[in-house]
Amino acid sequence: MQPVGEKLKKNFPVGSRVHVSALCAGWRNDFTGVVCSEPEPVQTMQGQDHFYWVQFDSDQHDLSQDGPYYKGQILGPCLTLVQTAQSVG
């Protein structure tokens, strides 16, 4: 059972197709990519979470106009699993 107030943490296995939220992650645009590493634990202001390395489908710029980047370390809450035609059963 999950402790009261504990958010349900998402898990993204290597190879998962994900949507990255620009609003959450500090990128200029929302985009998609593929998780390319095991999760790395990190302590945040909201408690324990995980960073994931994500290989982007296309190069991206951050809000500081730095880039282009072809992959980046993204915090788990900024990711959403992309449903593919094969996974829709």
C-alpha atoms as a PDB file:
ATOM      1  CA  MET A   1       0.000   0.000   0.000  1.00  0.00           C
ATOM      2  CA  GLN A   2       1.201   3.482  -0.881  1.00  0.00           C
ATOM      3  CA  PRO A   3       1.737   5.945   2.028  1.00  0.00           C
ATOM      4  CA  VAL A   4      -0.756   8.833   2.266  1.00  0.00           C
ATOM      5  CA  GLY A   5       0.401  11.819   0.217  1.00  0.00           C
ATOM      6  CA  GLU A   6       2.904   9.751  -1.805  1.00  0.00           C
ATOM      7  CA  LYS A   7       2.478  10.349  -5.532  1.00  0.00           C
ATOM      8  CA  LEU A   8       2.322   7.318  -7.784  1.00  0.00           C
ATOM      9  CA  LYS A   9       5.698   7.220  -9.559  1.00  0.00           C
ATOM     10  CA  LYS A  10       5.746   6.224 -13.217  1.00  0.00           C
ATOM     11  CA  ASN A  11       8.287   3.709 -14.485  1.00  0.00           C
ATOM     12  CA  PHE A  12       9.658   3.918 -18.030  1.00  0.00           C
ATOM     13  CA  PRO A  13      11.703   0.889 -19.130  1.00  0.00           C
ATOM     14  CA  VAL A  14      14.541   1.323 -21.642  1.00  0.00           C
ATOM     15  CA  GLY A  15      13.024   1.490 -25.139  1.00  0.00           C
ATOM     16  CA  SER A  16       9.764   3.166 -24.016  1.00  0.00           C
ATOM     17  CA  ARG A  17       8.417   5.824 -26.408  1.00  0.00           C
ATOM     18  CA  VAL A  18       7.623   8.936 -24.374  1.00  0.00           C
ATOM     19  CA  HIS A  19       6.195  12.439 -24.762  1.00  0.00           C
ATOM     20  CA  VAL A  20       8.261  15.161 -23.034  1.00  0.00           C
ATOM     21  CA  SER A  21       6.341  18.114 -21.596  1.00  0.00           C
ATOM     22  CA  ALA A  22       8.060  21.415 -22.429  1.00  0.00           C
ATOM     23  CA  LEU A  23       6.159  23.152 -19.624  1.00  0.00           C
ATOM     24  CA  CYS A  24       7.515  20.727 -17.035  1.00  0.00           C
ATOM     25  CA  ALA A  25      11.005  20.088 -18.385  1.00  0.00           C
ATOM     26  CA  GLY A  26      12.192  23.529 -19.561  1.00  0.00           C
ATOM     27  CA  TRP A  27      12.264  22.869 -23.306  1.00  0.00           C
ATOM     28  CA  ARG A  28      11.022  25.244 -26.019  1.00  0.00           C
ATOM     29  CA  ASN A  29       8.476  22.700 -27.368  1.00  0.00           C
ATOM     30  CA  ASP A  30       6.794  19.430 -26.412  1.00  0.00           C
ATOM     31  CA  PHE A  31       8.357  16.497 -28.252  1.00  0.00           C
ATOM     32  CA  THR A  32       8.739  12.716 -28.311  1.00  0.00           C
ATOM     33  CA  GLY A  33      11.663  10.372 -27.884  1.00  0.00           C
ATOM     34  CA  VAL A  34      12.822   7.016 -26.548  1.00  0.00           C
ATOM     35  CA  VAL A  35      14.097   6.208 -23.040  1.00  0.00           C
ATOM     36  CA  CYS A  36      17.702   5.061 -23.506  1.00  0.00           C
ATOM     37  CA  SER A  37      18.888   4.371 -19.930  1.00  0.00           C
ATOM     38  CA  GLU A  38      17.827   2.903 -16.632  1.00  0.00           C
ATOM     39  CA  PRO A  39      16.287   5.456 -14.205  1.00  0.00           C
ATOM     40  CA  GLU A  40      18.706   7.388 -11.992  1.00  0.00           C
ATOM     41  CA  PRO A  41      17.387   8.253  -8.508  1.00  0.00           C
ATOM     42  CA  VAL A  42      17.323  11.921  -7.525  1.00  0.00           C
ATOM     43  CA  GLN A  43      16.044  13.796  -4.472  1.00  0.00           C
ATOM     44  CA  THR A  44      13.718  16.681  -5.440  1.00  0.00           C
ATOM     45  CA  MET A  45      11.748  19.236  -3.423  1.00  0.00           C
ATOM     46  CA  GLN A  46       8.748  16.864  -3.749  1.00  0.00           C
ATOM     47  CA  GLY A  47      10.745  13.838  -2.551  1.00  0.00           C
ATOM     48  CA  GLN A  48      12.509  10.945  -4.256  1.00  0.00           C
ATOM     49  CA  ASP A  49      12.139  10.709  -8.051  1.00  0.00           C
ATOM     50  CA  HIS A  50      14.071   9.525 -11.123  1.00  0.00           C
ATOM     51  CA  PHE A  51      15.874  11.031 -14.104  1.00  0.00           C
ATOM     52  CA  TYR A  52      15.735   9.225 -17.453  1.00  0.00           C
ATOM     53  CA  TRP A  53      18.024   9.763 -20.434  1.00  0.00           C
ATOM     54  CA  VAL A  54      15.784  10.279 -23.474  1.00  0.00           C
ATOM     55  CA  GLN A  55      16.977  10.144 -27.112  1.00  0.00           C
ATOM     56  CA  PHE A  56      14.895  12.793 -28.908  1.00  0.00           C
ATOM     57  CA  ASP A  57      13.112  12.065 -32.216  1.00  0.00           C
ATOM     58  CA  SER A  58      14.384  15.438 -33.476  1.00  0.00           C
ATOM     59  CA  ASP A  59      16.950  17.895 -32.098  1.00  0.00           C
ATOM     60  CA  GLN A  60      15.610  20.281 -29.426  1.00  0.00           C
ATOM     61  CA  HIS A  61      16.458  23.676 -27.903  1.00  0.00           C
ATOM     62  CA  ASP A  62      15.905  24.584 -24.263  1.00  0.00           C
ATOM     63  CA  LEU A  63      14.295  27.794 -22.960  1.00  0.00           C
ATOM     64  CA  SER A  64      17.727  29.495 -22.890  1.00  0.00           C
ATOM     65  CA  GLN A  65      17.949  28.878 -26.663  1.00  0.00           C
ATOM     66  CA  ASP A  66      20.880  26.506 -26.059  1.00  0.00           C
ATOM     67  CA  GLY A  67      21.153  23.475 -28.288  1.00  0.00           C
ATOM     68  CA  PRO A  68      20.359  21.727 -30.433  1.00  0.00           C
ATOM     69  CA  TYR A  69      20.361  18.670 -28.182  1.00  0.00           C
ATOM     70  CA  TYR A  70      19.773  15.129 -29.449  1.00  0.00           C
ATOM     71  CA  LYS A  71      19.164  13.657 -25.986  1.00  0.00           C
ATOM     72  CA  GLY A  72      18.758  14.835 -22.423  1.00  0.00           C
ATOM     73  CA  GLN A  73      18.160  13.821 -18.832  1.00  0.00           C
ATOM     74  CA  ILE A  74      14.441  14.276 -18.087  1.00  0.00           C
ATOM     75  CA  LEU A  75      12.669  14.017 -14.728  1.00  0.00           C
ATOM     76  CA  GLY A  76      10.056  11.235 -14.605  1.00  0.00           C
ATOM     77  CA  PRO A  77       6.987  13.459 -13.951  1.00  0.00           C
ATOM     78  CA  CYS A  78       7.757  15.328 -17.215  1.00  0.00           C
ATOM     79  CA  LEU A  79       7.300  12.130 -19.240  1.00  0.00           C
ATOM     80  CA  THR A  80       4.157  10.430 -20.540  1.00  0.00           C
ATOM     81  CA  LEU A  81       4.139   7.028 -22.207  1.00  0.00           C
ATOM     82  CA  VAL A  82       3.240   7.232 -25.921  1.00  0.00           C
ATOM     83  CA  GLN A  83       0.682   4.617 -26.948  1.00  0.00           C
ATOM     84  CA  THR A  84       1.632   2.964 -30.226  1.00  0.00           C
ATOM     85  CA  ALA A  85      -0.673   1.008 -32.522  1.00  0.00           C
ATOM     86  CA  GLN A  86       1.007  -2.236 -31.390  1.00  0.00           C
ATOM     87  CA  SER A  87       0.439  -1.522 -27.673  1.00  0.00           C
ATOM     88  CA  VAL A  88      -3.248  -0.630 -28.073  1.00  0.00           C
ATOM     89  CA  GLY A  89      -4.280  -4.297 -28.014  1.00  0.00           C
END
